[in-house]
Amino acid sequence: MQIDEELTLKKLEVFLAFMRSGNLSKAAAELNTSNVSVHRAIHSLESALRCPLFKHEGRNLIPLESAYVLEEKAQKLVQDVLETVRQTREAAGFSAERFKLGALYSLTVKTVPQLIMGLKLRRSELNIDLILGSNVDLFYKLKNMELDAILVSLNDSVSHDPDCAQLPLFADDIFLAAPADSAFAQQAEVDLSDLRDATFITLTQGFATHQDGNRVFQQAGFEPKVAMQVNDIFTLMSMVNSGVGYALLPGRVGMVYEARVKLVPLQARYHLQQHIGVVFLKAKERDPNLLALLAECRMYSLKNPS
């Protein structure tokens, strides 16, 4: 037996609305349609099923036993379809109950908490998973749909991917991070070439700050003496605070060790900025959770102009 093409879920919804109300006008009001449309849908449903569902008593439709059977089965069918749609969309990352947000460690100082607070106000029922990592790691997870959006440096590795879109948030200058008791900490600006013989600490490859640091060292004309590489910016700041070495870091981390680590501006010839933004897959750009995050990001960028 083949299903008649006139048997649709929409007509079943109209039928169920009528069964709940027992009245054409009330069903039409519930569905925001006309009495005629409700009557036509019910009549079409009877034609598709090839059996009557109601008997006529004057202008009233009185349900037959067949209508009560259909009502019971159709309720379950419609609920199953709605649940199937929900699970399918959730598997694809659309309007899921959980939102997986990736971010750089350095953005947890200020940016990430503000965005998450705003997102929770917009969608209080949403559970947010925060995954921290490097630019490279987070972008890989985004492309593999392990993350819904990432907050990263908008460098060449993420800016030219045709599958992704981005929304800029702010720009951040690169500074010299020096212990508070260092002679360089007292300077208004630093000539990086004066640190040619100094020891540095860097992040590992894959972090945007590692790449940006290399560019600044190239401008200064020397290869830094690297004492160690670490996997997060807070460990790096702690090493600088302990006097292990200097580092090149974005200004947003300055408040972490403000009293013990000074972020000193570099001379203009070494000036370099990181451009921070949110990156997401174009295929998900209509997802309600993502739209809520993007709205919050726009508010953040207005409050924090570069």
Protein backbone atom coordinates (compact mmCIF):
# COMPACT_ATOMS: atom_id res chain seq x y z
CA MET A 1 0.00 0.00 0.00
CA GLN A 2 1.38 3.37 -1.04
CA ILE A 3 0.83 6.56 0.95
CA ASP A 4 -1.39 8.99 -0.92
CA GLU A 5 0.44 12.21 -1.71
CA GLU A 6 -2.51 14.15 -0.26
CA LEU A 7 -1.80 12.67 3.18
CA THR A 8 0.46 15.30 4.75
CA LEU A 9 1.66 16.15 8.24
CA LYS A 10 0.15 19.62 7.89
CA LYS A 11 -3.31 18.16 7.33
CA LEU A 12 -2.85 15.89 10.32
CA GLU A 13 -2.00 18.97 12.42
CA VAL A 14 -5.22 20.65 11.22
CA PHE A 15 -7.18 17.50 12.00
CA LEU A 16 -5.72 17.30 15.53
CA ALA A 17 -6.51 20.97 16.15
CA PHE A 18 -10.12 20.33 15.17
CA MET A 19 -10.31 17.24 17.39
CA ARG A 20 -9.03 19.25 20.35
CA SER A 21 -11.47 22.10 19.87
CA GLY A 22 -14.44 20.28 18.29
CA ASN A 23 -15.17 23.43 16.36
CA LEU A 24 -14.09 24.78 12.98
CA SER A 25 -13.82 28.37 14.18
CA LYS A 26 -11.74 27.52 17.24
CA ALA A 27 -9.43 25.28 15.20
CA ALA A 28 -9.03 28.03 12.59
CA ALA A 29 -8.19 30.58 15.30
CA GLU A 30 -5.61 28.23 16.86
CA LEU A 31 -3.94 27.72 13.49
CA ASN A 32 -4.33 31.34 12.40
CA THR A 33 -6.23 30.34 9.26
CA SER A 34 -9.84 30.35 7.96
CA ASN A 35 -12.77 28.03 8.64
CA VAL A 36 -12.81 27.13 4.97
CA SER A 37 -9.13 26.07 5.06
CA VAL A 38 -9.75 23.81 8.07
CA HIS A 39 -12.80 22.22 6.44
CA ARG A 40 -10.92 21.75 3.16
CA ALA A 41 -7.96 20.10 4.93
CA ILE A 42 -10.25 17.65 6.77
CA HIS A 43 -12.13 16.77 3.59
CA SER A 44 -8.84 16.25 1.72
CA LEU A 45 -7.61 14.04 4.55
CA GLU A 46 -10.69 11.84 4.23
CA SER A 47 -10.07 11.55 0.47
CA ALA A 48 -6.43 10.57 1.06
CA LEU A 49 -7.41 7.94 3.64
CA ARG A 50 -10.28 6.71 1.44
CA CYS A 51 -12.64 6.52 4.42
CA PRO A 52 -14.89 8.94 6.32
CA LEU A 53 -13.76 10.48 9.61
CA PHE A 54 -16.89 12.47 10.47
CA LYS A 55 -20.61 12.42 9.98
CA HIS A 56 -22.57 15.58 9.31
CA GLU A 57 -25.29 16.70 11.67
CA GLY A 58 -26.51 19.97 10.27
CA ARG A 59 -23.41 22.18 10.06
CA ASN A 60 -21.54 20.16 12.69
CA LEU A 61 -18.92 17.46 12.11
CA ILE A 62 -19.29 14.55 14.51
CA PRO A 63 -16.21 12.29 14.84
CA LEU A 64 -16.59 8.64 13.90
CA GLU A 65 -14.61 5.82 15.49
CA SER A 66 -12.11 6.15 12.64
CA ALA A 67 -11.41 9.77 13.70
CA TYR A 68 -10.56 8.72 17.27
CA VAL A 69 -8.19 6.03 16.00
CA LEU A 70 -6.50 8.51 13.69
CA GLU A 71 -6.29 11.09 16.49
CA GLU A 72 -4.44 8.68 18.79
CA LYS A 73 -1.98 7.54 16.12
CA ALA A 74 -1.51 10.99 14.57
CA GLN A 75 -0.60 12.56 17.93
CA LYS A 76 2.23 10.08 18.34
CA LEU A 77 3.26 10.42 14.70
CA VAL A 78 3.49 14.23 14.87
CA GLN A 79 5.44 14.09 18.14
CA ASP A 80 7.82 11.52 16.65
CA VAL A 81 8.40 13.71 13.61
CA LEU A 82 9.04 16.80 15.76
CA GLU A 83 11.51 14.84 17.90
CA THR A 84 13.18 13.49 14.77
CA VAL A 85 13.59 17.02 13.41
CA ARG A 86 14.98 18.21 16.76
CA GLN A 87 17.51 15.39 16.98
CA THR A 88 18.54 15.82 13.34
CA ARG A 89 19.11 19.54 13.78
CA GLU A 90 20.97 18.94 17.04
CA ALA A 91 23.26 16.39 15.36
CA ALA A 92 24.04 19.03 12.75
CA GLY A 93 24.68 21.60 15.50
CA PHE A 94 21.56 23.68 14.82
CA SER A 95 19.78 25.06 17.87
CA ALA A 96 21.13 22.31 20.09
CA GLU A 97 20.75 22.55 23.87
CA ARG A 98 24.55 22.74 24.12
CA PHE A 99 26.75 25.30 22.42
CA LYS A 100 30.42 24.43 21.98
CA LEU A 101 32.54 27.59 21.98
CA GLY A 102 36.28 27.54 21.35
CA ALA A 103 38.56 30.36 22.48
CA LEU A 104 42.16 31.38 22.99
CA TYR A 105 43.38 31.20 26.60
CA SER A 106 44.12 34.93 26.61
CA LEU A 107 40.50 35.79 25.84
CA THR A 108 39.30 34.27 29.12
CA VAL A 109 40.63 37.33 30.99
CA LYS A 110 37.81 39.60 29.80
CA THR A 111 36.22 38.83 26.45
CA VAL A 112 34.94 35.28 26.95
CA PRO A 113 33.24 35.91 30.34
CA GLN A 114 31.40 38.95 28.96
CA LEU A 115 30.24 37.13 25.83
CA ILE A 116 29.07 34.08 27.77
CA MET A 117 27.15 36.22 30.26
CA GLY A 118 25.44 38.04 27.41
CA LEU A 119 24.68 34.79 25.57
CA LYS A 120 23.13 33.27 28.70
CA LEU A 121 20.90 36.32 29.08
CA ARG A 122 19.72 35.88 25.50
CA ARG A 123 19.30 32.10 25.74
CA SER A 124 19.07 31.12 29.40
CA GLU A 125 18.32 27.48 28.63
CA LEU A 126 21.55 27.04 26.68
CA ASN A 127 24.41 25.02 28.15
CA ILE A 128 27.79 26.32 26.98
CA ASP A 129 30.92 24.19 26.69
CA LEU A 130 34.12 26.26 26.59
CA ILE A 131 37.12 24.65 24.88
CA LEU A 132 40.47 26.45 25.04
CA GLY A 133 43.36 26.00 22.65
CA SER A 134 45.55 27.49 19.98
CA ASN A 135 44.40 29.12 16.74
CA VAL A 136 45.37 26.03 14.76
CA ASP A 137 43.73 23.51 17.10
CA LEU A 138 40.49 25.46 17.41
CA PHE A 139 40.18 26.04 13.67
CA TYR A 140 40.72 22.31 13.04
CA LYS A 141 37.92 21.47 15.49
CA LEU A 142 35.62 24.03 13.92
CA LYS A 143 36.16 22.59 10.43
CA ASN A 144 35.41 19.11 11.80
CA MET A 145 32.19 20.41 13.41
CA GLU A 146 33.47 19.69 16.92
CA LEU A 147 32.90 23.36 17.77
CA ASP A 148 30.06 25.73 16.88
CA ALA A 149 32.16 28.90 16.85
CA ILE A 150 35.68 29.99 17.80
CA LEU A 151 37.15 33.21 19.19
CA VAL A 152 40.61 33.49 17.64
CA SER A 153 43.12 35.74 15.92
CA LEU A 154 41.93 36.51 12.39
CA ASN A 155 45.21 35.65 10.69
CA ASP A 156 45.74 34.19 7.23
CA SER A 157 45.09 30.61 8.38
CA VAL A 158 41.43 31.38 9.15
CA SER A 159 40.63 34.43 7.01
CA HIS A 160 40.79 32.84 3.57
CA ASP A 161 38.76 29.66 4.11
CA PRO A 162 35.73 29.67 1.78
CA ASP A 163 33.64 27.57 4.18
CA CYS A 164 33.96 30.04 7.04
CA ALA A 165 32.71 33.51 7.89
CA GLN A 166 34.01 35.86 10.56
CA LEU A 167 33.02 38.87 12.63
CA PRO A 168 35.82 41.13 13.96
CA LEU A 169 35.74 42.04 17.67
CA PHE A 170 38.79 44.20 18.41
CA ALA A 171 42.46 44.76 17.63
CA ASP A 172 45.20 44.26 20.21
CA ASP A 173 48.78 45.59 20.20
CA ILE A 174 51.78 43.35 20.88
CA PHE A 175 53.93 44.42 23.87
CA LEU A 176 57.12 43.33 25.57
CA ALA A 177 56.28 41.49 28.79
CA ALA A 178 58.99 42.16 31.37
CA PRO A 179 59.32 41.51 35.14
CA ALA A 180 58.38 44.58 37.14
CA ASP A 181 61.95 44.92 38.47
CA SER A 182 63.49 44.81 35.00
CA ALA A 183 65.20 47.92 33.64
CA PHE A 184 63.05 47.66 30.51
CA ALA A 185 59.85 47.79 32.61
CA GLN A 186 60.54 51.45 33.41
CA GLN A 187 60.87 52.56 29.76
CA ALA A 188 58.12 54.38 27.89
CA GLU A 189 58.84 52.22 24.83
CA VAL A 190 61.35 49.53 23.98
CA ASP A 191 63.75 49.10 21.08
CA LEU A 192 63.47 45.33 20.68
CA SER A 193 66.95 45.11 19.20
CA ASP A 194 68.28 46.02 22.67
CA LEU A 195 67.11 42.58 23.83
CA ARG A 196 69.12 40.70 21.22
CA ASP A 197 71.04 38.84 23.94
CA ALA A 198 68.10 38.40 26.32
CA THR A 199 66.26 35.14 27.02
CA PHE A 200 62.66 34.76 25.83
CA ILE A 201 59.73 32.48 26.58
CA THR A 202 57.23 31.75 23.81
CA LEU A 203 54.05 29.84 23.20
CA THR A 204 54.28 26.69 21.11
CA GLN A 205 53.66 26.72 17.37
CA GLY A 206 50.00 26.94 16.41
CA PHE A 207 49.30 29.87 18.73
CA ALA A 208 48.73 33.19 16.96
CA THR A 209 50.95 34.97 19.48
CA HIS A 210 53.84 32.64 18.56
CA GLN A 211 53.48 33.54 14.89
CA ASP A 212 53.10 37.26 15.62
CA GLY A 213 56.17 37.17 17.86
CA ASN A 214 58.22 35.65 15.05
CA ARG A 215 57.15 38.47 12.74
CA VAL A 216 58.23 41.10 15.27
CA PHE A 217 61.61 39.39 15.81
CA GLN A 218 62.12 39.34 12.04
CA GLN A 219 61.49 43.11 11.97
CA ALA A 220 64.06 43.50 14.75
CA GLY A 221 66.56 41.46 12.72
CA PHE A 222 67.44 38.69 15.15
CA GLU A 223 66.50 35.17 16.23
CA PRO A 224 65.49 35.16 19.91
CA LYS A 225 67.15 32.93 22.50
CA VAL A 226 64.22 30.83 23.62
CA ALA A 227 64.57 29.31 27.10
CA MET A 228 61.29 27.39 26.92
CA GLN A 229 57.99 27.07 25.09
CA VAL A 230 54.66 26.65 26.94
CA ASN A 231 51.13 25.71 25.97
CA ASP A 232 49.14 28.52 27.56
CA ILE A 233 49.60 32.22 28.02
CA PHE A 234 49.08 32.17 31.80
CA THR A 235 51.98 29.79 32.36
CA LEU A 236 54.03 32.05 30.12
CA MET A 237 53.12 35.10 32.24
CA SER A 238 54.07 33.20 35.38
CA MET A 239 57.48 32.38 33.90
CA VAL A 240 58.04 36.05 33.04
CA ASN A 241 57.00 37.02 36.56
CA SER A 242 59.55 34.53 37.95
CA GLY A 243 62.34 36.12 35.91
CA VAL A 244 62.86 33.16 33.56
CA GLY A 245 62.77 35.47 30.54
CA TYR A 246 60.91 38.08 28.50
CA ALA A 247 57.99 37.54 26.14
CA LEU A 248 56.00 39.25 23.41
CA LEU A 249 52.33 39.29 24.39
CA PRO A 250 49.03 40.99 23.45
CA GLY A 251 47.82 43.80 25.69
CA ARG A 252 44.65 41.98 26.80
CA VAL A 253 46.62 39.81 29.25
CA GLY A 254 48.17 42.76 31.07
CA MET A 255 45.73 42.74 33.98
CA VAL A 256 46.59 39.15 34.96
CA TYR A 257 49.94 40.00 36.60
CA GLU A 258 49.56 43.78 36.45
CA ALA A 259 51.66 44.50 39.56
CA ARG A 260 54.46 42.05 38.77
CA VAL A 261 54.67 41.93 34.97
CA LYS A 262 54.78 45.09 32.89
CA LEU A 263 53.64 45.26 29.29
CA VAL A 264 55.92 47.83 27.67
CA PRO A 265 55.05 49.31 24.25
CA LEU A 266 57.40 48.50 21.40
CA GLN A 267 58.84 51.25 19.24
CA ALA A 268 56.66 52.19 16.29
CA ARG A 269 58.83 50.28 13.77
CA TYR A 270 57.95 47.02 15.56
CA HIS A 271 54.25 47.84 15.86
CA LEU A 272 52.00 44.84 15.24
CA GLN A 273 48.36 44.16 16.05
CA GLN A 274 46.35 41.00 16.52
CA HIS A 275 42.83 41.20 15.13
CA ILE A 276 40.49 39.13 17.29
CA GLY A 277 37.11 37.89 16.07
CA VAL A 278 34.59 35.09 16.01
CA VAL A 279 34.81 32.50 13.21
CA PHE A 280 32.01 30.09 12.25
CA LEU A 281 30.95 27.82 9.41
CA LYS A 282 28.76 29.46 6.79
CA ALA A 283 26.59 26.33 6.81
CA LYS A 284 25.50 27.19 10.36
CA GLU A 285 24.97 30.93 9.95
CA ARG A 286 21.20 30.64 10.55
CA ASP A 287 21.46 28.58 13.71
CA PRO A 288 19.62 30.47 16.51
CA ASN A 289 22.38 29.80 19.05
CA LEU A 290 25.04 31.15 16.71
CA LEU A 291 22.90 34.17 15.82
CA ALA A 292 22.60 34.96 19.53
CA LEU A 293 26.39 34.78 19.93
CA LEU A 294 26.96 37.01 16.90
CA ALA A 295 24.51 39.59 18.26
CA GLU A 296 26.43 39.59 21.54
CA CYS A 297 29.73 39.92 19.66
CA ARG A 298 28.43 42.99 17.81
CA MET A 299 27.45 44.55 21.13
CA TYR A 300 30.91 43.77 22.52
CA SER A 301 32.71 45.33 19.56
CA LEU A 302 30.62 48.52 19.91
CA LYS A 303 31.51 48.78 23.61
CA ASN A 304 35.18 47.98 23.00
CA PRO A 305 36.21 49.90 19.84
CA SER A 306 39.76 49.28 18.64
